[in-house]
Amino acid sequence: MTISKQVAANKRSTVMIMLVFVVFVSLIGGLFAWLSGSWSMVFWFLGIAAVYALIQYFVAGKLSVVMTGAREIQKSDNPRFYGIVEELSETAKLPMPKVYVIKDTAPNAFATGRDPAHAIVAATTGLIEIMDDKELRSVMAHEMSHVKNYDIRVGMIVFGLVCVIGFISDIGLRMLFYSNRDDDNKSPIGLVIAVLTLILAPIAAALAQMAVSRQREYLADSSSAQMTKQPESMISALKKLDAHARPMHQQNPATEALFIANPLKKTFFSNIFSTHPSIDQRVERLSDARK
């Protein structure tokens, strides 16, 4: 798929994800309405979902910055890093994004925002220190590719979906627990279905996030090589990320998909639900593209 087609597909995906999100939350509301006998709950859930989706569209970028502990910088704060981002924005013919730094020895970077005019790119101090200029340029070209391809919008919406589904599931389980302590009239089957739905909903959201993110990473790697015309530097940067990989100090599973490398502590479940393909797979794809 060409870059232009991918951009168009990402714009369509944003609309579809938001619609599916609103419908999904409404279905959960319908389930609780059936159990409680109050069908007005459906409209409450639908209204909350619609308002949340709208708010998420405008504030998710800033929220992800807060959750990662990133700090905005100016060119005078880090001329080397800021200058590379500035150069790439001119090369890609994109508006200059806001530039952030995360004080963390774990090498990593991310991009977010609702569109190129409201984009944010960030890197950890660990990444800036271990990468040479060519490698740092390739990493940030990867992030600028997310901006140019409108991956940031898709990622932002999926990030919001994961957050709210987890929140709703937690609230729903608490509601079931407290509302049924003195009520033996509700259907046991219905209660089982409700509990299973609330437990499985966050897992379904995580799987959706994983599927979306993995393809975005492959595309951004390829786009970075095209933007810098130095695929070997992207390969070298990926190998360094692998060699120096470590969990970030400020971790949140909801922001995992934003980063160029997995920022979480590796566990059995984090490996299964990782939003990132392995570094070996990414290097292999880039190497094959050079042949």
Protein backbone atom coordinates (compact mmCIF):
# COMPACT_ATOMS: atom_id res chain seq x y z
CA MET A 1 0.00 0.00 0.00
CA THR A 2 1.36 3.43 -0.94
CA ILE A 3 1.87 6.15 1.69
CA SER A 4 -1.02 8.25 0.30
CA LYS A 5 -3.37 5.28 0.42
CA GLN A 6 -2.25 4.51 3.96
CA VAL A 7 -3.00 8.10 5.03
CA ALA A 8 -6.51 7.86 3.54
CA ALA A 9 -7.03 4.49 5.23
CA ASN A 10 -5.89 5.90 8.58
CA LYS A 11 -8.37 8.79 8.31
CA ARG A 12 -11.20 6.32 7.61
CA SER A 13 -10.01 4.11 10.48
CA THR A 14 -10.30 7.02 12.91
CA VAL A 15 -13.97 7.52 12.10
CA MET A 16 -14.70 3.79 12.25
CA ILE A 17 -12.90 3.32 15.57
CA MET A 18 -14.83 6.20 17.14
CA LEU A 19 -18.15 4.82 15.90
CA VAL A 20 -17.36 1.29 17.09
CA PHE A 21 -16.27 2.72 20.43
CA VAL A 22 -19.58 4.56 20.94
CA VAL A 23 -21.60 1.48 19.90
CA PHE A 24 -19.54 -0.81 22.14
CA VAL A 25 -20.01 1.39 25.21
CA SER A 26 -23.73 1.66 24.43
CA LEU A 27 -24.01 -2.14 24.31
CA ILE A 28 -22.43 -2.33 27.76
CA GLY A 29 -24.98 0.25 28.87
CA GLY A 30 -27.75 -1.91 27.42
CA LEU A 31 -26.49 -4.89 29.37
CA PHE A 32 -26.62 -2.95 32.62
CA ALA A 33 -30.02 -1.50 31.70
CA TRP A 34 -31.37 -5.02 31.25
CA LEU A 35 -29.95 -6.14 34.58
CA SER A 36 -31.15 -3.08 36.46
CA GLY A 37 -34.49 -2.74 34.67
CA SER A 38 -33.77 0.93 33.92
CA TRP A 39 -33.46 1.44 30.16
CA SER A 40 -32.58 5.08 30.60
CA MET A 41 -29.11 3.80 31.43
CA VAL A 42 -28.57 3.11 27.72
CA PHE A 43 -28.93 6.80 26.92
CA TRP A 44 -26.62 7.75 29.78
CA PHE A 45 -23.92 5.39 28.52
CA LEU A 46 -24.42 6.57 24.93
CA GLY A 47 -24.18 10.21 25.96
CA ILE A 48 -21.10 9.61 28.09
CA ALA A 49 -19.43 7.66 25.26
CA ALA A 50 -20.16 10.35 22.67
CA VAL A 51 -18.94 13.18 24.91
CA TYR A 52 -15.84 11.22 25.89
CA ALA A 53 -15.00 10.44 22.25
CA LEU A 54 -15.26 14.14 21.39
CA ILE A 55 -13.15 15.25 24.36
CA GLN A 56 -10.62 12.50 23.68
CA TYR A 57 -10.15 13.77 20.13
CA PHE A 58 -8.96 17.13 21.42
CA VAL A 59 -7.12 16.31 24.66
CA ALA A 60 -5.63 12.82 24.26
CA GLY A 61 -2.33 14.20 23.00
CA LYS A 62 -1.87 16.38 26.07
CA LEU A 63 -3.05 13.56 28.33
CA SER A 64 -0.46 11.16 26.93
CA VAL A 65 2.26 13.77 27.54
CA VAL A 66 1.20 14.07 31.18
CA MET A 67 1.09 10.28 31.59
CA THR A 68 4.63 9.88 30.22
CA GLY A 69 6.15 12.71 32.24
CA ALA A 70 7.38 14.53 29.11
CA ARG A 71 8.54 18.17 29.32
CA GLU A 72 8.35 20.64 26.43
CA ILE A 73 11.65 22.16 25.31
CA GLN A 74 12.80 24.98 23.04
CA LYS A 75 15.76 24.97 20.68
CA SER A 76 18.04 26.59 23.26
CA ASP A 77 17.39 23.70 25.68
CA ASN A 78 18.77 21.04 23.32
CA PRO A 79 19.93 22.46 19.97
CA ARG A 80 21.00 19.07 18.60
CA PHE A 81 17.73 17.24 19.22
CA TYR A 82 15.46 20.18 18.41
CA GLY A 83 17.44 20.96 15.26
CA ILE A 84 17.04 17.41 13.95
CA VAL A 85 13.25 17.59 14.43
CA GLU A 86 13.23 21.01 12.76
CA GLU A 87 15.18 19.68 9.78
CA LEU A 88 12.88 16.68 9.40
CA SER A 89 9.73 18.82 9.51
CA GLU A 90 11.12 20.84 6.59
CA THR A 91 12.10 17.69 4.67
CA ALA A 92 8.68 16.13 5.17
CA LYS A 93 6.91 19.47 4.50
CA LEU A 94 5.11 19.26 7.84
CA PRO A 95 4.32 21.96 10.42
CA MET A 96 6.94 22.09 13.18
CA PRO A 97 5.64 19.88 16.02
CA LYS A 98 6.02 20.68 19.70
CA VAL A 99 9.16 18.98 21.00
CA TYR A 100 9.30 17.21 24.36
CA VAL A 101 11.95 15.38 26.36
CA ILE A 102 11.38 12.65 28.93
CA LYS A 103 14.00 12.39 31.66
CA ASP A 104 14.59 8.65 31.57
CA THR A 105 17.66 6.49 30.83
CA ALA A 106 15.54 3.98 28.89
CA PRO A 107 15.94 4.81 25.15
CA ASN A 108 12.55 5.54 23.61
CA ALA A 109 10.51 8.08 21.63
CA PHE A 110 6.91 8.74 20.63
CA ALA A 111 4.62 10.99 18.59
CA THR A 112 1.03 11.96 19.29
CA GLY A 113 -1.63 14.55 18.42
CA ARG A 114 -4.83 14.71 16.40
CA ASP A 115 -3.21 15.92 13.14
CA PRO A 116 0.11 17.31 11.80
CA ALA A 117 -0.86 20.86 12.85
CA HIS A 118 -1.22 19.73 16.48
CA ALA A 119 1.55 17.13 16.64
CA ILE A 120 3.90 16.38 19.52
CA VAL A 121 7.15 14.41 19.29
CA ALA A 122 9.19 13.32 22.28
CA ALA A 123 12.31 11.36 23.11
CA THR A 124 13.90 10.18 26.33
CA THR A 125 17.24 11.54 27.51
CA GLY A 126 18.53 7.98 27.25
CA LEU A 127 17.72 7.82 23.54
CA ILE A 128 19.29 11.21 22.78
CA GLU A 129 22.49 10.19 24.59
CA ILE A 130 23.13 6.79 22.98
CA MET A 131 22.21 7.63 19.36
CA ASP A 132 24.62 9.31 16.98
CA ASP A 133 23.22 12.06 14.72
CA LYS A 134 22.25 9.72 11.86
CA GLU A 135 20.55 7.26 14.20
CA LEU A 136 18.73 10.00 16.10
CA ARG A 137 17.58 11.47 12.79
CA SER A 138 16.24 8.06 11.73
CA VAL A 139 14.36 7.57 15.02
CA MET A 140 12.76 10.99 14.81
CA ALA A 141 12.01 10.44 11.11
CA HIS A 142 10.13 7.34 12.29
CA GLU A 143 8.11 9.55 14.65
CA MET A 144 7.57 12.25 12.02
CA SER A 145 6.34 9.50 9.68
CA HIS A 146 3.67 8.67 12.26
CA VAL A 147 2.65 12.33 12.03
CA LYS A 148 2.69 12.46 8.23
CA ASN A 149 0.82 9.15 7.85
CA TYR A 150 -1.85 10.25 10.37
CA ASP A 151 -0.91 7.27 12.54
CA ILE A 152 -0.93 9.65 15.49
CA ARG A 153 -4.67 10.21 15.12
CA VAL A 154 -5.46 6.50 14.95
CA GLY A 155 -3.12 5.76 17.84
CA MET A 156 -4.61 8.57 19.92
CA ILE A 157 -8.17 7.32 19.45
CA VAL A 158 -7.21 3.71 20.24
CA PHE A 159 -5.32 4.97 23.29
CA GLY A 160 -8.50 6.70 24.46
CA LEU A 161 -10.60 3.61 23.79
CA VAL A 162 -8.33 1.43 25.93
CA CYS A 163 -8.43 3.96 28.78
CA VAL A 164 -12.21 4.36 28.85
CA ILE A 165 -13.03 0.67 28.36
CA GLY A 166 -10.85 -0.17 31.34
CA PHE A 167 -12.52 2.59 33.37
CA ILE A 168 -16.06 1.52 32.42
CA SER A 169 -15.29 -2.13 33.14
CA ASP A 170 -13.97 -1.27 36.59
CA ILE A 171 -17.01 0.88 37.40
CA GLY A 172 -19.35 -1.78 36.02
CA LEU A 173 -17.89 -4.55 38.16
CA ARG A 174 -18.21 -2.35 41.25
CA MET A 175 -21.83 -1.56 40.36
CA LEU A 176 -22.62 -5.26 39.97
CA PHE A 177 -21.01 -6.08 43.30
CA TYR A 178 -22.80 -3.42 45.32
CA SER A 179 -26.17 -3.61 43.54
CA ASN A 180 -26.49 -7.37 44.01
CA ARG A 181 -25.47 -7.75 47.63
CA ASP A 182 -29.11 -7.61 48.79
CA ASP A 183 -30.85 -8.56 45.55
CA ASP A 184 -31.42 -12.24 44.71
CA ASN A 185 -33.98 -11.61 41.92
CA LYS A 186 -31.59 -10.96 39.05
CA SER A 187 -30.85 -13.74 36.57
CA PRO A 188 -27.67 -15.65 37.48
CA ILE A 189 -27.01 -16.21 33.76
CA GLY A 190 -27.34 -12.50 33.09
CA LEU A 191 -24.92 -11.72 35.90
CA VAL A 192 -22.39 -14.21 34.56
CA ILE A 193 -22.67 -12.66 31.08
CA ALA A 194 -22.24 -9.17 32.52
CA VAL A 195 -19.16 -10.15 34.52
CA LEU A 196 -17.60 -11.92 31.53
CA THR A 197 -18.31 -8.92 29.31
CA LEU A 198 -16.67 -6.52 31.74
CA ILE A 199 -13.62 -8.77 32.16
CA LEU A 200 -13.18 -9.46 28.45
CA ALA A 201 -13.86 -5.90 27.24
CA PRO A 202 -10.40 -4.54 28.22
CA ILE A 203 -8.77 -7.62 26.65
CA ALA A 204 -10.65 -7.01 23.39
CA ALA A 205 -9.57 -3.36 23.43
CA ALA A 206 -5.94 -4.38 24.03
CA LEU A 207 -6.04 -6.84 21.12
CA ALA A 208 -7.43 -4.13 18.83
CA GLN A 209 -4.67 -1.77 19.94
CA MET A 210 -2.05 -4.45 19.31
CA ALA A 211 -3.27 -5.17 15.78
CA VAL A 212 -3.40 -1.49 14.82
CA SER A 213 -0.03 -0.60 16.34
CA ARG A 214 2.10 -3.38 14.86
CA GLN A 215 1.34 -2.44 11.26
CA ARG A 216 1.92 1.24 12.07
CA GLU A 217 5.42 0.44 13.36
CA TYR A 218 6.41 -1.42 10.21
CA LEU A 219 5.12 1.43 8.02
CA ALA A 220 6.92 4.11 10.08
CA ASP A 221 10.21 2.18 9.90
CA SER A 222 9.91 2.03 6.12
CA SER A 223 8.84 5.68 5.86
CA SER A 224 11.80 6.74 8.01
CA ALA A 225 14.23 5.00 5.63
CA GLN A 226 12.57 6.79 2.70
CA MET A 227 12.61 10.18 4.42
CA THR A 228 16.30 10.08 5.43
CA LYS A 229 17.44 7.91 2.50
CA GLN A 230 19.54 6.03 5.06
CA PRO A 231 17.90 2.67 5.85
CA GLU A 232 21.14 1.43 7.43
CA SER A 233 20.84 4.17 10.08
CA MET A 234 17.31 3.04 10.96
CA ILE A 235 18.54 -0.54 11.23
CA SER A 236 21.44 0.57 13.44
CA ALA A 237 19.07 2.61 15.64
CA LEU A 238 16.70 -0.35 16.06
CA LYS A 239 19.61 -2.60 17.06
CA LYS A 240 20.72 -0.04 19.65
CA LEU A 241 17.17 0.16 21.01
CA ASP A 242 17.23 -3.63 21.38
CA ALA A 243 20.68 -3.73 22.95
CA HIS A 244 19.86 -1.00 25.50
CA ALA A 245 16.22 -2.00 26.08
CA ARG A 246 14.89 -1.48 29.58
CA PRO A 247 11.51 -0.53 31.07
CA MET A 248 10.79 3.16 31.53
CA HIS A 249 10.41 4.53 35.06
CA GLN A 250 6.97 6.04 34.41
CA GLN A 251 5.00 3.19 32.84
CA ASN A 252 1.38 2.96 31.72
CA PRO A 253 0.02 0.14 29.53
CA ALA A 254 -2.36 2.60 27.84
CA THR A 255 0.56 4.59 26.37
CA GLU A 256 2.61 1.57 25.28
CA ALA A 257 1.54 1.77 21.62
CA LEU A 258 2.76 5.37 21.32
CA PHE A 259 6.43 4.49 21.71
CA ILE A 260 8.94 3.28 19.12
CA ALA A 261 9.95 0.45 21.49
CA ASN A 262 8.03 -1.35 24.22
CA PRO A 263 8.38 0.82 27.38
CA LEU A 264 6.97 -1.78 29.79
CA LYS A 265 8.65 -4.37 31.96
CA LYS A 266 8.69 -7.67 30.07
CA THR A 267 6.34 -10.28 31.49
CA PHE A 268 4.54 -13.27 30.00
CA PHE A 269 1.34 -11.28 29.43
CA SER A 270 3.10 -8.13 28.21
CA ASN A 271 4.82 -10.20 25.53
CA ILE A 272 1.54 -11.76 24.40
CA PHE A 273 -0.29 -8.43 24.20
CA SER A 274 2.66 -6.32 23.08
CA THR A 275 1.72 -3.57 20.63
CA HIS A 276 5.18 -3.84 19.03
CA PRO A 277 6.60 -6.43 16.66
CA SER A 278 10.02 -7.69 17.75
CA ILE A 279 13.08 -5.66 16.81
CA ASP A 280 14.40 -8.68 14.87
CA GLN A 281 11.26 -8.71 12.71
CA ARG A 282 11.51 -4.98 12.06
CA VAL A 283 15.20 -5.19 11.13
CA GLU A 284 14.49 -8.15 8.86
CA ARG A 285 11.79 -6.22 6.99
CA LEU A 286 14.04 -3.20 6.48
CA SER A 287 16.91 -5.43 5.35
CA ASP A 288 14.68 -7.24 2.88
CA ALA A 289 13.47 -3.91 1.47
CA ARG A 290 17.08 -2.93 0.68
CA LYS A 291 17.67 -6.01 -1.48
